[in-house]
Amino acid sequence: MKKAFDWLEKNKVAYTFHDYKKEGIDEESLTTWLKKIPLDKLINTKGATWRLLTDKEKNGVDSQEKGVKLMMEKTSVIKRPFVVLSKGNYVLGFDEEEWKEKF
């Protein structure tokens, strides 16, 4: 996240930050995002929260419905940064070259 924030500041890109770790996330947003971003990309399987899940919890994320439920309960599993550029356009993760193109 720090690289993303630094890049936005350096390039004078105005943004609004929604901290879903603290503020939560709603089912409608997740369902909308999943129309463009595959579930296996939106869930961060490399993070500490994922690693702390039981095998049963991990294996239970075999459908969009279960994935949305998990992301609502444990928002830390959502890959960050997730940027909503405009309705229906998103950027997942920080890749400087991609950000130069998108912003």
N, C-alpha and C. Protein backbone atom coordinates (compact mmCIF):
# COMPACT_ATOMS: atom_id res chain seq x y z
N MET A 1 0.82 -1.18 0.00
CA MET A 1 0.00 0.00 0.00
C MET A 1 0.87 1.25 0.00
N LYS A 2 1.98 1.20 0.71
CA LYS A 2 2.84 2.39 0.78
C LYS A 2 3.31 2.81 -0.61
N LYS A 3 3.72 1.86 -1.43
CA LYS A 3 4.17 2.20 -2.79
C LYS A 3 3.04 2.85 -3.58
N ALA A 4 1.84 2.34 -3.42
CA ALA A 4 0.68 2.89 -4.14
C ALA A 4 0.40 4.32 -3.67
N PHE A 5 0.37 4.53 -2.36
CA PHE A 5 0.12 5.88 -1.84
C PHE A 5 1.21 6.85 -2.29
N ASP A 6 2.46 6.40 -2.21
CA ASP A 6 3.58 7.25 -2.63
C ASP A 6 3.46 7.61 -4.11
N TRP A 7 3.12 6.64 -4.94
CA TRP A 7 2.99 6.87 -6.37
C TRP A 7 1.87 7.88 -6.66
N LEU A 8 0.74 7.71 -6.00
CA LEU A 8 -0.38 8.63 -6.19
C LEU A 8 0.00 10.06 -5.80
N GLU A 9 0.68 10.19 -4.68
CA GLU A 9 1.11 11.52 -4.22
C GLU A 9 2.12 12.13 -5.20
N LYS A 10 3.11 11.35 -5.57
CA LYS A 10 4.15 11.83 -6.48
C LYS A 10 3.57 12.29 -7.82
N ASN A 11 2.56 11.58 -8.29
CA ASN A 11 1.95 11.88 -9.59
C ASN A 11 0.72 12.77 -9.47
N LYS A 12 0.51 13.29 -8.28
CA LYS A 12 -0.58 14.24 -8.01
C LYS A 12 -1.95 13.72 -8.49
N VAL A 13 -2.20 12.47 -8.14
CA VAL A 13 -3.48 11.85 -8.47
C VAL A 13 -4.38 11.95 -7.25
N ALA A 14 -5.51 12.62 -7.41
CA ALA A 14 -6.46 12.74 -6.31
C ALA A 14 -7.15 11.39 -6.11
N TYR A 15 -7.38 11.03 -4.86
CA TYR A 15 -8.03 9.76 -4.57
C TYR A 15 -8.75 9.82 -3.24
N THR A 16 -9.67 8.92 -3.07
CA THR A 16 -10.36 8.73 -1.80
C THR A 16 -10.02 7.32 -1.35
N PHE A 17 -9.56 7.18 -0.13
CA PHE A 17 -9.16 5.88 0.39
C PHE A 17 -10.27 5.30 1.26
N HIS A 18 -10.69 4.12 0.91
CA HIS A 18 -11.66 3.39 1.73
C HIS A 18 -10.91 2.23 2.38
N ASP A 19 -10.77 2.28 3.68
CA ASP A 19 -10.05 1.23 4.41
C ASP A 19 -11.03 0.13 4.79
N TYR A 20 -11.19 -0.85 3.89
CA TYR A 20 -12.17 -1.89 4.18
C TYR A 20 -11.74 -2.78 5.33
N LYS A 21 -10.49 -2.69 5.75
CA LYS A 21 -10.08 -3.45 6.93
C LYS A 21 -10.74 -2.86 8.18
N LYS A 22 -10.94 -1.55 8.18
CA LYS A 22 -11.56 -0.89 9.32
C LYS A 22 -13.04 -0.60 9.08
N GLU A 23 -13.38 -0.21 7.86
CA GLU A 23 -14.74 0.22 7.55
C GLU A 23 -15.62 -0.89 6.99
N GLY A 24 -15.01 -2.00 6.63
CA GLY A 24 -15.77 -3.11 6.08
C GLY A 24 -16.04 -2.93 4.59
N ILE A 25 -16.68 -3.92 4.03
CA ILE A 25 -17.03 -3.90 2.61
C ILE A 25 -18.39 -4.59 2.48
N ASP A 26 -19.18 -4.12 1.54
CA ASP A 26 -20.52 -4.67 1.38
C ASP A 26 -20.56 -5.72 0.27
N GLU A 27 -21.57 -6.55 0.35
CA GLU A 27 -21.74 -7.64 -0.61
C GLU A 27 -21.91 -7.11 -2.03
N GLU A 28 -22.64 -6.02 -2.19
CA GLU A 28 -22.88 -5.46 -3.51
C GLU A 28 -21.58 -5.06 -4.21
N SER A 29 -20.68 -4.41 -3.47
CA SER A 29 -19.39 -4.00 -4.05
C SER A 29 -18.59 -5.21 -4.49
N LEU A 30 -18.49 -6.20 -3.60
CA LEU A 30 -17.72 -7.41 -3.93
C LEU A 30 -18.29 -8.12 -5.14
N THR A 31 -19.60 -8.24 -5.20
CA THR A 31 -20.25 -8.91 -6.32
C THR A 31 -20.00 -8.15 -7.62
N THR A 32 -20.04 -6.83 -7.56
CA THR A 32 -19.76 -6.00 -8.73
C THR A 32 -18.32 -6.18 -9.18
N TRP A 33 -17.39 -6.15 -8.24
CA TRP A 33 -15.98 -6.31 -8.58
C TRP A 33 -15.74 -7.66 -9.23
N LEU A 34 -16.41 -8.68 -8.73
CA LEU A 34 -16.19 -10.04 -9.23
C LEU A 34 -16.73 -10.24 -10.64
N LYS A 35 -17.43 -9.28 -11.17
CA LYS A 35 -17.85 -9.36 -12.57
C LYS A 35 -16.67 -9.11 -13.50
N LYS A 36 -15.63 -8.42 -12.99
CA LYS A 36 -14.44 -8.11 -13.80
C LYS A 36 -13.17 -8.78 -13.28
N ILE A 37 -13.12 -9.06 -11.99
CA ILE A 37 -11.92 -9.62 -11.37
C ILE A 37 -12.26 -11.03 -10.87
N PRO A 38 -11.52 -12.05 -11.31
CA PRO A 38 -11.79 -13.41 -10.83
C PRO A 38 -11.57 -13.54 -9.32
N LEU A 39 -12.38 -14.37 -8.69
CA LEU A 39 -12.30 -14.59 -7.25
C LEU A 39 -10.89 -14.96 -6.81
N ASP A 40 -10.22 -15.83 -7.57
CA ASP A 40 -8.89 -16.28 -7.18
C ASP A 40 -7.84 -15.17 -7.29
N LYS A 41 -8.17 -14.08 -7.96
CA LYS A 41 -7.26 -12.92 -8.03
C LYS A 41 -7.57 -11.92 -6.93
N LEU A 42 -8.86 -11.79 -6.60
CA LEU A 42 -9.28 -10.81 -5.60
C LEU A 42 -8.90 -11.24 -4.19
N ILE A 43 -8.88 -12.54 -3.95
CA ILE A 43 -8.46 -13.04 -2.64
C ILE A 43 -6.95 -13.19 -2.62
N ASN A 44 -6.34 -12.58 -1.64
CA ASN A 44 -4.88 -12.62 -1.50
C ASN A 44 -4.47 -13.89 -0.77
N THR A 45 -4.06 -14.88 -1.53
CA THR A 45 -3.67 -16.16 -0.95
C THR A 45 -2.22 -16.17 -0.46
N LYS A 46 -1.54 -15.04 -0.59
CA LYS A 46 -0.16 -14.97 -0.12
C LYS A 46 -0.04 -14.22 1.21
N GLY A 47 -1.14 -13.65 1.67
CA GLY A 47 -1.11 -12.85 2.89
C GLY A 47 -1.24 -13.67 4.16
N ALA A 48 -0.95 -13.03 5.27
CA ALA A 48 -0.98 -13.68 6.58
C ALA A 48 -2.38 -14.16 6.94
N THR A 49 -3.40 -13.39 6.61
CA THR A 49 -4.76 -13.79 6.96
C THR A 49 -5.12 -15.11 6.29
N TRP A 50 -4.79 -15.24 5.02
CA TRP A 50 -5.07 -16.49 4.30
C TRP A 50 -4.31 -17.65 4.94
N ARG A 51 -3.05 -17.42 5.24
CA ARG A 51 -2.23 -18.49 5.82
C ARG A 51 -2.77 -18.95 7.17
N LEU A 52 -3.44 -18.06 7.90
CA LEU A 52 -3.98 -18.41 9.22
C LEU A 52 -5.33 -19.12 9.15
N LEU A 53 -5.94 -19.15 7.98
CA LEU A 53 -7.20 -19.87 7.82
C LEU A 53 -6.96 -21.37 7.93
N THR A 54 -7.96 -22.08 8.41
CA THR A 54 -7.85 -23.53 8.45
C THR A 54 -7.99 -24.07 7.02
N ASP A 55 -7.56 -25.29 6.82
CA ASP A 55 -7.71 -25.92 5.50
C ASP A 55 -9.19 -25.98 5.12
N LYS A 56 -10.05 -26.22 6.09
CA LYS A 56 -11.48 -26.28 5.82
C LYS A 56 -11.99 -24.93 5.31
N GLU A 57 -11.53 -23.83 5.93
CA GLU A 57 -11.94 -22.50 5.49
C GLU A 57 -11.43 -22.21 4.07
N LYS A 58 -10.18 -22.56 3.82
CA LYS A 58 -9.60 -22.34 2.49
C LYS A 58 -10.32 -23.15 1.43
N ASN A 59 -10.56 -24.40 1.70
CA ASN A 59 -11.22 -25.28 0.74
C ASN A 59 -12.68 -24.91 0.55
N GLY A 60 -13.24 -24.21 1.53
CA GLY A 60 -14.63 -23.80 1.44
C GLY A 60 -14.88 -22.65 0.49
N VAL A 61 -13.81 -22.02 0.01
CA VAL A 61 -13.96 -20.89 -0.91
C VAL A 61 -13.94 -21.43 -2.34
N ASP A 62 -14.97 -22.20 -2.64
CA ASP A 62 -15.04 -22.81 -3.96
C ASP A 62 -16.15 -22.24 -4.82
N SER A 63 -16.76 -21.17 -4.33
CA SER A 63 -17.80 -20.50 -5.11
C SER A 63 -17.76 -19.00 -4.81
N GLN A 64 -18.34 -18.23 -5.69
CA GLN A 64 -18.37 -16.78 -5.49
C GLN A 64 -19.09 -16.44 -4.19
N GLU A 65 -20.18 -17.11 -3.92
CA GLU A 65 -20.96 -16.84 -2.71
C GLU A 65 -20.11 -17.02 -1.46
N LYS A 66 -19.38 -18.12 -1.40
CA LYS A 66 -18.54 -18.39 -0.24
C LYS A 66 -17.35 -17.43 -0.18
N GLY A 67 -16.81 -17.07 -1.34
CA GLY A 67 -15.72 -16.11 -1.38
C GLY A 67 -16.14 -14.75 -0.88
N VAL A 68 -17.32 -14.31 -1.30
CA VAL A 68 -17.85 -13.01 -0.84
C VAL A 68 -18.05 -13.04 0.66
N LYS A 69 -18.61 -14.12 1.17
CA LYS A 69 -18.83 -14.25 2.62
C LYS A 69 -17.50 -14.15 3.36
N LEU A 70 -16.48 -14.86 2.87
CA LEU A 70 -15.17 -14.82 3.52
C LEU A 70 -14.60 -13.40 3.49
N MET A 71 -14.66 -12.73 2.33
CA MET A 71 -14.10 -11.39 2.22
C MET A 71 -14.84 -10.38 3.10
N MET A 72 -16.12 -10.58 3.33
CA MET A 72 -16.87 -9.70 4.21
C MET A 72 -16.51 -9.95 5.67
N GLU A 73 -16.25 -11.20 6.01
CA GLU A 73 -15.90 -11.55 7.39
C GLU A 73 -14.45 -11.25 7.71
N LYS A 74 -13.58 -11.51 6.76
CA LYS A 74 -12.13 -11.33 6.96
C LYS A 74 -11.61 -10.44 5.83
N THR A 75 -11.86 -9.15 5.96
CA THR A 75 -11.54 -8.22 4.88
C THR A 75 -10.06 -8.18 4.53
N SER A 76 -9.22 -8.66 5.43
CA SER A 76 -7.78 -8.67 5.17
C SER A 76 -7.39 -9.62 4.05
N VAL A 77 -8.29 -10.51 3.65
CA VAL A 77 -7.95 -11.43 2.55
C VAL A 77 -8.12 -10.78 1.19
N ILE A 78 -8.70 -9.58 1.14
CA ILE A 78 -8.86 -8.90 -0.15
C ILE A 78 -7.51 -8.33 -0.56
N LYS A 79 -7.10 -8.65 -1.78
CA LYS A 79 -5.82 -8.15 -2.28
C LYS A 79 -5.86 -6.63 -2.37
N ARG A 80 -4.77 -6.02 -1.99
CA ARG A 80 -4.65 -4.57 -2.02
C ARG A 80 -3.41 -4.16 -2.79
N PRO A 81 -3.37 -2.98 -3.32
CA PRO A 81 -4.48 -2.05 -3.42
C PRO A 81 -5.47 -2.50 -4.48
N PHE A 82 -6.71 -2.15 -4.25
CA PHE A 82 -7.78 -2.35 -5.22
C PHE A 82 -8.31 -0.97 -5.53
N VAL A 83 -8.15 -0.56 -6.79
CA VAL A 83 -8.50 0.81 -7.17
C VAL A 83 -9.69 0.79 -8.12
N VAL A 84 -10.71 1.55 -7.75
CA VAL A 84 -11.86 1.74 -8.61
C VAL A 84 -11.59 3.01 -9.40
N LEU A 85 -11.31 2.86 -10.70
CA LEU A 85 -10.99 4.01 -11.54
C LEU A 85 -12.26 4.73 -11.99
N SER A 86 -13.20 3.99 -12.46
CA SER A 86 -14.50 4.51 -12.86
C SER A 86 -15.45 3.32 -12.85
N LYS A 87 -16.67 3.57 -13.04
CA LYS A 87 -17.64 2.47 -12.98
C LYS A 87 -17.23 1.35 -13.94
N GLY A 88 -16.93 0.22 -13.36
CA GLY A 88 -16.58 -0.94 -14.18
C GLY A 88 -15.11 -1.06 -14.55
N ASN A 89 -14.26 -0.13 -14.13
CA ASN A 89 -12.82 -0.19 -14.43
C ASN A 89 -12.04 -0.23 -13.13
N TYR A 90 -11.20 -1.24 -13.00
CA TYR A 90 -10.47 -1.46 -11.76
C TYR A 90 -9.00 -1.78 -12.03
N VAL A 91 -8.19 -1.54 -11.01
CA VAL A 91 -6.79 -1.95 -11.02
C VAL A 91 -6.56 -2.70 -9.72
N LEU A 92 -6.02 -3.90 -9.83
CA LEU A 92 -5.75 -4.73 -8.67
C LEU A 92 -4.25 -4.89 -8.51
N GLY A 93 -3.74 -4.52 -7.35
CA GLY A 93 -2.32 -4.61 -7.08
C GLY A 93 -1.58 -3.40 -7.61
N PHE A 94 -0.33 -3.29 -7.22
CA PHE A 94 0.47 -2.15 -7.67
C PHE A 94 1.52 -2.61 -8.66
N ASP A 95 1.39 -2.13 -9.88
CA ASP A 95 2.37 -2.34 -10.93
C ASP A 95 2.57 -0.97 -11.57
N GLU A 96 3.73 -0.38 -11.37
CA GLU A 96 3.97 0.99 -11.79
C GLU A 96 3.67 1.22 -13.27
N GLU A 97 4.06 0.29 -14.12
CA GLU A 97 3.80 0.46 -15.56
C GLU A 97 2.30 0.47 -15.86
N GLU A 98 1.58 -0.45 -15.23
CA GLU A 98 0.13 -0.49 -15.43
C GLU A 98 -0.51 0.80 -14.91
N TRP A 99 -0.04 1.29 -13.78
CA TRP A 99 -0.61 2.51 -13.20
C TRP A 99 -0.35 3.71 -14.10
N LYS A 100 0.84 3.76 -14.72
CA LYS A 100 1.13 4.86 -15.66
C LYS A 100 0.13 4.87 -16.80
N GLU A 101 -0.22 3.68 -17.30
CA GLU A 101 -1.20 3.56 -18.39
C GLU A 101 -2.59 3.95 -17.94
N LYS A 102 -2.99 3.48 -16.79
CA LYS A 102 -4.37 3.65 -16.32
C LYS A 102 -4.68 5.05 -15.80
N PHE A 103 -3.69 5.68 -15.18
CA PHE A 103 -3.93 7.00 -14.60
C PHE A 103 -3.48 8.07 -15.59
